[in-house]
Amino acid sequence: TLALVQKQAGDPKAVAALARRQERELRAWLSGGPQARPDERLADAIRAVAAEVDEALGVAVEVVAVGDRELDERHRALVAAAREAILNAARHAGEAGPVQVFVEVRDGRTEVFVVDRGPGFDPDAVPPDRRGVRESILGRMARHGGRAAVHRRSPGTEVELVLEHEPQ
């Protein structure tokens, strides 16, 4: 790690991304918990997506997970929708601070919130022929018995994903 930092000393973004990756690995090792299973567990899958976006775009993505569950087809769709929301937040608001992801599994429901402090996003202002958020987030959740909403904040945007464990 130190050799990589030395080689990339002239690129502060690369050094920061390396430091975040090493911090994630150190925290996982220090926690002494079981090996991450992103193909099996929801929290691990969300953390893996966050790490992937962090490394690809150089934007810090912080994940807080309360509760966990096994991945089924519907929760894999939730992870895919969360990935799109995290990517959008990192692309459009990355300079405004870290993207924050909150995951909560409780009382027969899974909720994921992706929050950024960027300029904000109004989905109603997007032309109908642009289907990115409508299909990759809102539509995906609806097709799998869940719901999604995009809330403009001041500053930033919050994407809310909700999946009841039993479809209604």
N, C-alpha and C. Protein backbone atom coordinates (compact mmCIF):
# COMPACT_ATOMS: atom_id res chain seq x y z
N THR A 1 0.83 -1.20 0.00
CA THR A 1 0.00 0.00 0.00
C THR A 1 0.87 1.25 0.00
N LEU A 2 1.87 1.26 0.86
CA LEU A 2 2.73 2.44 0.92
C LEU A 2 3.47 2.66 -0.40
N ALA A 3 3.89 1.58 -1.05
CA ALA A 3 4.56 1.72 -2.34
C ALA A 3 3.61 2.30 -3.39
N LEU A 4 2.35 1.87 -3.36
CA LEU A 4 1.36 2.41 -4.30
C LEU A 4 1.10 3.89 -4.02
N VAL A 5 1.01 4.25 -2.74
CA VAL A 5 0.81 5.65 -2.39
C VAL A 5 1.98 6.48 -2.90
N GLN A 6 3.18 5.97 -2.71
CA GLN A 6 4.37 6.69 -3.17
C GLN A 6 4.34 6.88 -4.69
N LYS A 7 3.98 5.83 -5.43
CA LYS A 7 3.94 5.91 -6.89
C LYS A 7 2.87 6.89 -7.38
N GLN A 8 1.78 7.04 -6.62
CA GLN A 8 0.66 7.88 -7.05
C GLN A 8 0.59 9.19 -6.28
N ALA A 9 1.67 9.57 -5.64
CA ALA A 9 1.67 10.77 -4.79
C ALA A 9 1.24 12.02 -5.54
N GLY A 10 1.45 12.09 -6.82
CA GLY A 10 1.05 13.26 -7.60
C GLY A 10 -0.42 13.29 -7.97
N ASP A 11 -1.16 12.24 -7.64
CA ASP A 11 -2.59 12.15 -7.98
C ASP A 11 -3.40 12.01 -6.69
N PRO A 12 -3.82 13.13 -6.11
CA PRO A 12 -4.53 13.06 -4.83
C PRO A 12 -5.80 12.21 -4.86
N LYS A 13 -6.53 12.21 -5.99
CA LYS A 13 -7.75 11.39 -6.08
C LYS A 13 -7.42 9.90 -6.01
N ALA A 14 -6.34 9.51 -6.69
CA ALA A 14 -5.94 8.10 -6.67
C ALA A 14 -5.49 7.69 -5.27
N VAL A 15 -4.75 8.56 -4.61
CA VAL A 15 -4.29 8.26 -3.25
C VAL A 15 -5.49 8.15 -2.30
N ALA A 16 -6.45 9.07 -2.43
CA ALA A 16 -7.64 9.01 -1.58
C ALA A 16 -8.44 7.74 -1.83
N ALA A 17 -8.58 7.35 -3.09
CA ALA A 17 -9.32 6.11 -3.40
C ALA A 17 -8.59 4.90 -2.83
N LEU A 18 -7.28 4.87 -2.94
CA LEU A 18 -6.50 3.78 -2.37
C LEU A 18 -6.67 3.73 -0.86
N ALA A 19 -6.63 4.88 -0.21
CA ALA A 19 -6.81 4.94 1.23
C ALA A 19 -8.18 4.43 1.64
N ARG A 20 -9.24 4.79 0.88
CA ARG A 20 -10.58 4.30 1.21
C ARG A 20 -10.67 2.79 1.07
N ARG A 21 -10.05 2.25 0.00
CA ARG A 21 -10.07 0.80 -0.20
C ARG A 21 -9.35 0.10 0.94
N GLN A 22 -8.19 0.61 1.32
CA GLN A 22 -7.44 0.00 2.41
C GLN A 22 -8.19 0.10 3.73
N GLU A 23 -8.89 1.21 3.94
CA GLU A 23 -9.69 1.36 5.16
C GLU A 23 -10.80 0.31 5.20
N ARG A 24 -11.48 0.10 4.07
CA ARG A 24 -12.54 -0.92 4.02
C ARG A 24 -11.98 -2.29 4.36
N GLU A 25 -10.83 -2.61 3.75
CA GLU A 25 -10.22 -3.92 4.00
C GLU A 25 -9.78 -4.05 5.45
N LEU A 26 -9.20 -3.00 6.03
CA LEU A 26 -8.76 -3.04 7.42
C LEU A 26 -9.94 -3.19 8.36
N ARG A 27 -11.01 -2.43 8.12
CA ARG A 27 -12.20 -2.55 8.98
C ARG A 27 -12.78 -3.97 8.93
N ALA A 28 -12.82 -4.55 7.75
CA ALA A 28 -13.33 -5.92 7.62
C ALA A 28 -12.45 -6.89 8.39
N TRP A 29 -11.15 -6.71 8.29
CA TRP A 29 -10.22 -7.60 9.00
C TRP A 29 -10.34 -7.40 10.51
N LEU A 30 -10.40 -6.14 10.97
CA LEU A 30 -10.48 -5.86 12.41
C LEU A 30 -11.78 -6.36 13.02
N SER A 31 -12.87 -6.31 12.25
CA SER A 31 -14.16 -6.73 12.80
C SER A 31 -14.17 -8.22 13.08
N GLY A 32 -13.31 -8.96 12.40
CA GLY A 32 -13.23 -10.40 12.65
C GLY A 32 -14.49 -11.15 12.29
N GLY A 33 -15.37 -10.49 11.57
CA GLY A 33 -16.62 -11.13 11.19
C GLY A 33 -16.40 -12.15 10.09
N PRO A 34 -17.47 -12.77 9.67
CA PRO A 34 -17.36 -13.76 8.60
C PRO A 34 -16.94 -13.10 7.29
N GLN A 35 -16.42 -13.91 6.41
CA GLN A 35 -16.01 -13.44 5.08
C GLN A 35 -17.21 -12.85 4.35
N ALA A 36 -17.01 -11.73 3.65
CA ALA A 36 -18.10 -11.11 2.90
C ALA A 36 -18.63 -12.07 1.85
N ARG A 37 -19.96 -12.08 1.69
CA ARG A 37 -20.62 -12.95 0.71
C ARG A 37 -21.59 -12.13 -0.13
N PRO A 38 -21.05 -11.30 -1.04
CA PRO A 38 -21.93 -10.42 -1.82
C PRO A 38 -22.88 -11.15 -2.76
N ASP A 39 -22.63 -12.42 -3.03
CA ASP A 39 -23.56 -13.19 -3.86
C ASP A 39 -24.68 -13.82 -3.04
N GLU A 40 -24.59 -13.70 -1.72
CA GLU A 40 -25.56 -14.37 -0.84
C GLU A 40 -26.27 -13.43 0.12
N ARG A 41 -25.60 -12.36 0.58
CA ARG A 41 -26.13 -11.50 1.62
C ARG A 41 -26.34 -10.08 1.11
N LEU A 42 -27.46 -9.48 1.48
CA LEU A 42 -27.83 -8.14 1.02
C LEU A 42 -26.80 -7.09 1.42
N ALA A 43 -26.45 -7.00 2.69
CA ALA A 43 -25.53 -5.95 3.15
C ALA A 43 -24.18 -6.07 2.44
N ASP A 44 -23.69 -7.29 2.28
CA ASP A 44 -22.42 -7.49 1.57
C ASP A 44 -22.54 -7.07 0.10
N ALA A 45 -23.67 -7.35 -0.52
CA ALA A 45 -23.87 -6.97 -1.92
C ALA A 45 -23.88 -5.45 -2.07
N ILE A 46 -24.55 -4.75 -1.16
CA ILE A 46 -24.58 -3.28 -1.22
C ILE A 46 -23.18 -2.71 -0.98
N ARG A 47 -22.45 -3.28 -0.01
CA ARG A 47 -21.08 -2.81 0.24
C ARG A 47 -20.19 -3.05 -0.98
N ALA A 48 -20.37 -4.18 -1.65
CA ALA A 48 -19.56 -4.48 -2.85
C ALA A 48 -19.86 -3.49 -3.96
N VAL A 49 -21.14 -3.16 -4.16
CA VAL A 49 -21.52 -2.18 -5.18
C VAL A 49 -20.91 -0.82 -4.83
N ALA A 50 -20.99 -0.43 -3.56
CA ALA A 50 -20.43 0.85 -3.14
C ALA A 50 -18.93 0.90 -3.39
N ALA A 51 -18.23 -0.17 -3.07
CA ALA A 51 -16.78 -0.23 -3.30
C ALA A 51 -16.46 -0.16 -4.79
N GLU A 52 -17.26 -0.83 -5.60
CA GLU A 52 -17.07 -0.82 -7.05
C GLU A 52 -17.21 0.60 -7.61
N VAL A 53 -18.23 1.31 -7.18
CA VAL A 53 -18.45 2.68 -7.65
C VAL A 53 -17.35 3.59 -7.14
N ASP A 54 -16.99 3.43 -5.88
CA ASP A 54 -15.90 4.22 -5.29
C ASP A 54 -14.63 4.07 -6.11
N GLU A 55 -14.25 2.83 -6.41
CA GLU A 55 -13.02 2.58 -7.14
C GLU A 55 -13.11 3.04 -8.60
N ALA A 56 -14.27 2.87 -9.22
CA ALA A 56 -14.42 3.24 -10.63
C ALA A 56 -14.45 4.75 -10.84
N LEU A 57 -15.12 5.47 -9.94
CA LEU A 57 -15.32 6.90 -10.14
C LEU A 57 -14.51 7.78 -9.19
N GLY A 58 -13.88 7.16 -8.20
CA GLY A 58 -13.08 7.94 -7.26
C GLY A 58 -13.91 8.81 -6.35
N VAL A 59 -15.13 8.40 -6.06
CA VAL A 59 -16.02 9.14 -5.18
C VAL A 59 -16.29 8.28 -3.95
N ALA A 60 -16.11 8.87 -2.78
CA ALA A 60 -16.35 8.13 -1.54
C ALA A 60 -17.82 7.74 -1.43
N VAL A 61 -18.06 6.48 -1.11
CA VAL A 61 -19.42 5.97 -0.89
C VAL A 61 -19.41 5.29 0.48
N GLU A 62 -20.19 5.83 1.40
CA GLU A 62 -20.26 5.32 2.76
C GLU A 62 -21.55 4.50 2.92
N VAL A 63 -21.42 3.32 3.52
CA VAL A 63 -22.57 2.43 3.71
C VAL A 63 -22.77 2.16 5.19
N VAL A 64 -24.00 2.32 5.64
CA VAL A 64 -24.39 1.93 6.99
C VAL A 64 -25.52 0.92 6.82
N ALA A 65 -25.33 -0.27 7.36
CA ALA A 65 -26.36 -1.31 7.24
C ALA A 65 -26.82 -1.74 8.63
N VAL A 66 -28.13 -1.77 8.80
CA VAL A 66 -28.74 -2.25 10.03
C VAL A 66 -29.61 -3.44 9.64
N GLY A 67 -29.21 -4.61 10.05
CA GLY A 67 -29.91 -5.82 9.66
C GLY A 67 -29.36 -6.35 8.35
N ASP A 68 -29.76 -7.55 8.03
CA ASP A 68 -29.27 -8.21 6.82
C ASP A 68 -30.23 -9.33 6.48
N ARG A 69 -30.08 -9.87 5.29
CA ARG A 69 -30.89 -11.01 4.87
C ARG A 69 -30.24 -11.66 3.67
N GLU A 70 -30.71 -12.87 3.37
CA GLU A 70 -30.23 -13.57 2.19
C GLU A 70 -30.76 -12.87 0.95
N LEU A 71 -30.00 -12.98 -0.13
CA LEU A 71 -30.45 -12.42 -1.40
C LEU A 71 -31.37 -13.39 -2.10
N ASP A 72 -32.51 -12.91 -2.54
CA ASP A 72 -33.38 -13.66 -3.43
C ASP A 72 -33.49 -12.83 -4.71
N GLU A 73 -34.28 -13.27 -5.65
CA GLU A 73 -34.38 -12.56 -6.93
C GLU A 73 -34.83 -11.11 -6.74
N ARG A 74 -35.80 -10.89 -5.87
CA ARG A 74 -36.32 -9.54 -5.64
C ARG A 74 -35.27 -8.64 -4.99
N HIS A 75 -34.51 -9.20 -4.07
CA HIS A 75 -33.49 -8.38 -3.41
C HIS A 75 -32.27 -8.16 -4.32
N ARG A 76 -32.05 -9.05 -5.25
CA ARG A 76 -31.00 -8.79 -6.26
C ARG A 76 -31.41 -7.59 -7.13
N ALA A 77 -32.70 -7.50 -7.43
CA ALA A 77 -33.20 -6.35 -8.19
C ALA A 77 -33.05 -5.07 -7.36
N LEU A 78 -33.28 -5.16 -6.07
CA LEU A 78 -33.08 -4.02 -5.18
C LEU A 78 -31.62 -3.57 -5.20
N VAL A 79 -30.69 -4.51 -5.15
CA VAL A 79 -29.27 -4.19 -5.22
C VAL A 79 -28.94 -3.51 -6.55
N ALA A 80 -29.51 -4.01 -7.65
CA ALA A 80 -29.26 -3.41 -8.97
C ALA A 80 -29.81 -1.98 -9.02
N ALA A 81 -30.98 -1.75 -8.45
CA ALA A 81 -31.54 -0.40 -8.41
C ALA A 81 -30.68 0.51 -7.54
N ALA A 82 -30.21 -0.01 -6.42
CA ALA A 82 -29.33 0.76 -5.53
C ALA A 82 -28.03 1.10 -6.25
N ARG A 83 -27.51 0.17 -7.02
CA ARG A 83 -26.28 0.41 -7.78
C ARG A 83 -26.46 1.58 -8.74
N GLU A 84 -27.59 1.61 -9.44
CA GLU A 84 -27.86 2.70 -10.37
C GLU A 84 -27.98 4.03 -9.63
N ALA A 85 -28.64 4.02 -8.48
CA ALA A 85 -28.78 5.25 -7.69
C ALA A 85 -27.42 5.73 -7.19
N ILE A 86 -26.58 4.81 -6.74
CA ILE A 86 -25.24 5.17 -6.26
C ILE A 86 -24.40 5.71 -7.40
N LEU A 87 -24.46 5.06 -8.55
CA LEU A 87 -23.72 5.54 -9.73
C LEU A 87 -24.16 6.96 -10.12
N ASN A 88 -25.47 7.18 -10.17
CA ASN A 88 -25.97 8.51 -10.53
C ASN A 88 -25.50 9.56 -9.53
N ALA A 89 -25.59 9.23 -8.24
CA ALA A 89 -25.16 10.18 -7.21
C ALA A 89 -23.67 10.48 -7.34
N ALA A 90 -22.88 9.45 -7.57
CA ALA A 90 -21.43 9.65 -7.70
C ALA A 90 -21.08 10.46 -8.94
N ARG A 91 -21.76 10.20 -10.03
CA ARG A 91 -21.48 10.92 -11.28
C ARG A 91 -21.87 12.40 -11.21
N HIS A 92 -23.02 12.67 -10.61
CA HIS A 92 -23.58 14.01 -10.67
C HIS A 92 -23.33 14.86 -9.43
N ALA A 93 -22.96 14.23 -8.33
CA ALA A 93 -22.79 14.99 -7.09
C ALA A 93 -21.52 14.62 -6.35
N GLY A 94 -20.64 13.89 -7.00
CA GLY A 94 -19.44 13.37 -6.35
C GLY A 94 -18.56 14.41 -5.70
N GLU A 95 -18.44 15.57 -6.29
CA GLU A 95 -17.57 16.61 -5.74
C GLU A 95 -18.18 17.24 -4.49
N ALA A 96 -19.45 17.02 -4.25
CA ALA A 96 -20.15 17.65 -3.12
C ALA A 96 -20.07 16.83 -1.84
N GLY A 97 -19.17 15.90 -1.78
CA GLY A 97 -19.04 15.10 -0.57
C GLY A 97 -19.38 13.65 -0.83
N PRO A 98 -19.27 12.83 0.19
CA PRO A 98 -19.50 11.41 -0.04
C PRO A 98 -20.97 11.11 -0.34
N VAL A 99 -21.16 10.04 -1.08
CA VAL A 99 -22.49 9.49 -1.28
C VAL A 99 -22.75 8.61 -0.06
N GLN A 100 -23.91 8.76 0.54
CA GLN A 100 -24.24 7.97 1.73
C GLN A 100 -25.35 6.99 1.39
N VAL A 101 -25.16 5.75 1.84
CA VAL A 101 -26.12 4.69 1.59
C VAL A 101 -26.53 4.11 2.94
N PHE A 102 -27.83 4.09 3.19
CA PHE A 102 -28.36 3.53 4.42
C PHE A 102 -29.24 2.33 4.06
N VAL A 103 -28.97 1.20 4.68
CA VAL A 103 -29.72 -0.03 4.43
C VAL A 103 -30.33 -0.47 5.76
N GLU A 104 -31.63 -0.76 5.73
CA GLU A 104 -32.27 -1.25 6.94
C GLU A 104 -33.19 -2.41 6.58
N VAL A 105 -33.01 -3.52 7.30
CA VAL A 105 -33.86 -4.69 7.14
C VAL A 105 -34.54 -4.93 8.48
N ARG A 106 -35.88 -4.78 8.49
CA ARG A 106 -36.62 -4.98 9.74
C ARG A 106 -38.11 -5.10 9.45
N ASP A 107 -38.81 -5.72 10.36
CA ASP A 107 -40.26 -5.79 10.31
C ASP A 107 -40.82 -6.18 8.95
N GLY A 108 -40.20 -7.16 8.29
CA GLY A 108 -40.71 -7.65 7.02
C GLY A 108 -40.49 -6.72 5.85
N ARG A 109 -39.52 -5.83 5.95
CA ARG A 109 -39.28 -4.84 4.89
C ARG A 109 -37.80 -4.53 4.81
N THR A 110 -37.38 -4.22 3.59
CA THR A 110 -36.01 -3.75 3.34
C THR A 110 -36.11 -2.35 2.76
N GLU A 111 -35.32 -1.43 3.32
CA GLU A 111 -35.28 -0.06 2.82
C GLU A 111 -33.83 0.30 2.54
N VAL A 112 -33.63 0.98 1.42
CA VAL A 112 -32.31 1.50 1.06
C VAL A 112 -32.50 2.97 0.68
N PHE A 113 -31.65 3.81 1.25
CA PHE A 113 -31.66 5.23 0.93
C PHE A 113 -30.28 5.59 0.41
N VAL A 114 -30.25 6.26 -0.74
CA VAL A 114 -29.00 6.75 -1.33
C VAL A 114 -29.11 8.27 -1.32
N VAL A 115 -28.18 8.90 -0.61
CA VAL A 115 -28.26 10.34 -0.37
C VAL A 115 -26.98 11.02 -0.85
N ASP A 116 -27.16 12.14 -1.54
CA ASP A 116 -26.00 12.95 -1.93
C ASP A 116 -26.30 14.40 -1.60
N ARG A 117 -25.26 15.23 -1.68
CA ARG A 117 -25.40 16.65 -1.39
C ARG A 117 -25.09 17.50 -2.62
N GLY A 118 -25.38 16.94 -3.79
CA GLY A 118 -25.12 17.64 -5.04
C GLY A 118 -26.17 18.69 -5.34
N PRO A 119 -26.28 19.08 -6.60
CA PRO A 119 -27.20 20.15 -6.99
C PRO A 119 -28.67 19.76 -6.96
N GLY A 120 -28.96 18.50 -6.79
CA GLY A 120 -30.36 18.06 -6.77
C GLY A 120 -30.80 17.54 -8.12
N PHE A 121 -31.86 16.77 -8.11
CA PHE A 121 -32.36 16.13 -9.32
C PHE A 121 -33.88 16.11 -9.26
N ASP A 122 -34.51 16.56 -10.30
CA ASP A 122 -35.96 16.54 -10.39
C ASP A 122 -36.35 15.57 -11.49
N PRO A 123 -36.84 14.37 -11.14
CA PRO A 123 -37.17 13.39 -12.18
C PRO A 123 -38.28 13.86 -13.11
N ASP A 124 -39.15 14.75 -12.66
CA ASP A 124 -40.23 15.26 -13.52
C ASP A 124 -39.70 16.17 -14.61
N ALA A 125 -38.48 16.69 -14.44
CA ALA A 125 -37.89 17.59 -15.43
C ALA A 125 -37.16 16.84 -16.54
N VAL A 126 -37.06 15.52 -16.41
CA VAL A 126 -36.36 14.71 -17.40
C VAL A 126 -37.33 14.40 -18.54
N PRO A 127 -36.91 14.63 -19.79
CA PRO A 127 -37.79 14.34 -20.93
C PRO A 127 -38.21 12.86 -20.96
N PRO A 128 -39.41 12.59 -21.45
CA PRO A 128 -39.93 11.22 -21.45
C PRO A 128 -39.07 10.22 -22.22
N ASP A 129 -38.30 10.68 -23.22
CA ASP A 129 -37.48 9.74 -23.98
C ASP A 129 -36.23 9.31 -23.22
N ARG A 130 -35.92 9.97 -22.11
CA ARG A 130 -34.79 9.59 -21.26
C ARG A 130 -35.32 8.63 -20.22
N ARG A 131 -34.93 7.38 -20.31
CA ARG A 131 -35.56 6.36 -19.48
C ARG A 131 -34.66 5.81 -18.38
N GLY A 132 -33.47 6.39 -18.18
CA GLY A 132 -32.50 5.85 -17.23
C GLY A 132 -33.07 5.60 -15.85
N VAL A 133 -33.39 6.65 -15.11
CA VAL A 133 -33.90 6.50 -13.74
C VAL A 133 -35.27 5.84 -13.76
N ARG A 134 -36.10 6.19 -14.75
CA ARG A 134 -37.45 5.60 -14.80
C ARG A 134 -37.41 4.08 -14.92
N GLU A 135 -36.50 3.56 -15.71
CA GLU A 135 -36.46 2.12 -15.93
C GLU A 135 -35.49 1.40 -14.97
N SER A 136 -34.28 1.95 -14.81
CA SER A 136 -33.27 1.23 -14.04
C SER A 136 -33.50 1.29 -12.54
N ILE A 137 -34.27 2.26 -12.09
CA ILE A 137 -34.55 2.36 -10.65
C ILE A 137 -36.04 2.21 -10.38
N LEU A 138 -36.83 3.17 -10.82
CA LEU A 138 -38.27 3.15 -10.53
C LEU A 138 -38.96 1.93 -11.13
N GLY A 139 -38.72 1.69 -12.43
CA GLY A 139 -39.35 0.56 -13.10
C GLY A 139 -38.89 -0.78 -12.56
N ARG A 140 -37.60 -0.91 -12.32
CA ARG A 140 -37.06 -2.17 -11.78
C ARG A 140 -37.71 -2.51 -10.45
N MET A 141 -37.83 -1.53 -9.57
CA MET A 141 -38.45 -1.78 -8.28
C MET A 141 -39.92 -2.17 -8.44
N ALA A 142 -40.64 -1.47 -9.30
CA ALA A 142 -42.05 -1.78 -9.51
C ALA A 142 -42.23 -3.19 -10.08
N ARG A 143 -41.36 -3.57 -11.02
CA ARG A 143 -41.46 -4.91 -11.63
C ARG A 143 -41.21 -6.03 -10.62
N HIS A 144 -40.54 -5.70 -9.52
CA HIS A 144 -40.23 -6.73 -8.52
C HIS A 144 -41.03 -6.53 -7.23
N GLY A 145 -42.14 -5.83 -7.34
CA GLY A 145 -43.07 -5.71 -6.22
C GLY A 145 -42.66 -4.70 -5.17
N GLY A 146 -41.75 -3.82 -5.49
CA GLY A 146 -41.31 -2.80 -4.55
C GLY A 146 -41.70 -1.42 -5.03
N ARG A 147 -41.12 -0.43 -4.40
CA ARG A 147 -41.37 0.93 -4.85
C ARG A 147 -40.09 1.74 -4.69
N ALA A 148 -40.02 2.80 -5.46
CA ALA A 148 -38.88 3.70 -5.40
C ALA A 148 -39.40 5.12 -5.56
N ALA A 149 -38.69 6.04 -4.94
CA ALA A 149 -39.03 7.45 -5.06
C ALA A 149 -37.74 8.25 -5.06
N VAL A 150 -37.77 9.35 -5.80
CA VAL A 150 -36.64 10.27 -5.85
C VAL A 150 -37.11 11.57 -5.20
N HIS A 151 -36.39 11.98 -4.15
CA HIS A 151 -36.75 13.20 -3.43
C HIS A 151 -35.65 14.24 -3.60
N ARG A 152 -36.03 15.40 -4.03
CA ARG A 152 -35.07 16.49 -4.12
C ARG A 152 -34.91 17.09 -2.73
N ARG A 153 -33.66 17.24 -2.32
CA ARG A 153 -33.36 17.82 -1.02
C ARG A 153 -32.64 19.15 -1.23
N SER A 154 -32.38 19.83 -0.18
CA SER A 154 -31.66 21.09 -0.30
C SER A 154 -30.47 21.05 0.64
N PRO A 155 -29.29 20.76 0.21
CA PRO A 155 -28.93 20.39 -1.15
C PRO A 155 -29.06 18.89 -1.36
N GLY A 156 -29.03 18.49 -2.60
CA GLY A 156 -28.90 17.09 -2.95
C GLY A 156 -30.16 16.36 -3.33
N THR A 157 -30.01 15.05 -3.37
CA THR A 157 -31.06 14.14 -3.80
C THR A 157 -31.05 12.92 -2.89
N GLU A 158 -32.23 12.37 -2.66
CA GLU A 158 -32.36 11.12 -1.90
C GLU A 158 -33.18 10.16 -2.76
N VAL A 159 -32.65 8.98 -2.96
CA VAL A 159 -33.39 7.92 -3.65
C VAL A 159 -33.80 6.92 -2.58
N GLU A 160 -35.08 6.65 -2.52
CA GLU A 160 -35.65 5.74 -1.53
C GLU A 160 -36.12 4.48 -2.24
N LEU A 161 -35.64 3.33 -1.77
CA LEU A 161 -36.03 2.04 -2.33
C LEU A 161 -36.65 1.22 -1.20
N VAL A 162 -37.83 0.66 -1.45
CA VAL A 162 -38.53 -0.10 -0.42
C VAL A 162 -39.02 -1.41 -1.03
N LEU A 163 -38.76 -2.48 -0.31
CA LEU A 163 -39.20 -3.80 -0.75
C LEU A 163 -39.77 -4.54 0.44
N GLU A 164 -41.07 -4.82 0.36
CA GLU A 164 -41.68 -5.66 1.40
C GLU A 164 -41.21 -7.08 1.16
N HIS A 165 -41.00 -7.82 2.20
CA HIS A 165 -40.48 -9.18 2.03
C HIS A 165 -41.49 -10.11 1.37
N GLU A 166 -42.75 -9.82 1.53
CA GLU A 166 -43.79 -10.55 0.81
C GLU A 166 -44.50 -9.55 -0.08
N PRO A 167 -44.58 -9.79 -1.40
CA PRO A 167 -45.24 -8.82 -2.28
C PRO A 167 -46.68 -8.59 -1.85
N GLN A 168 -47.10 -7.33 -1.98
CA GLN A 168 -48.47 -6.97 -1.60
C GLN A 168 -49.42 -7.15 -2.73
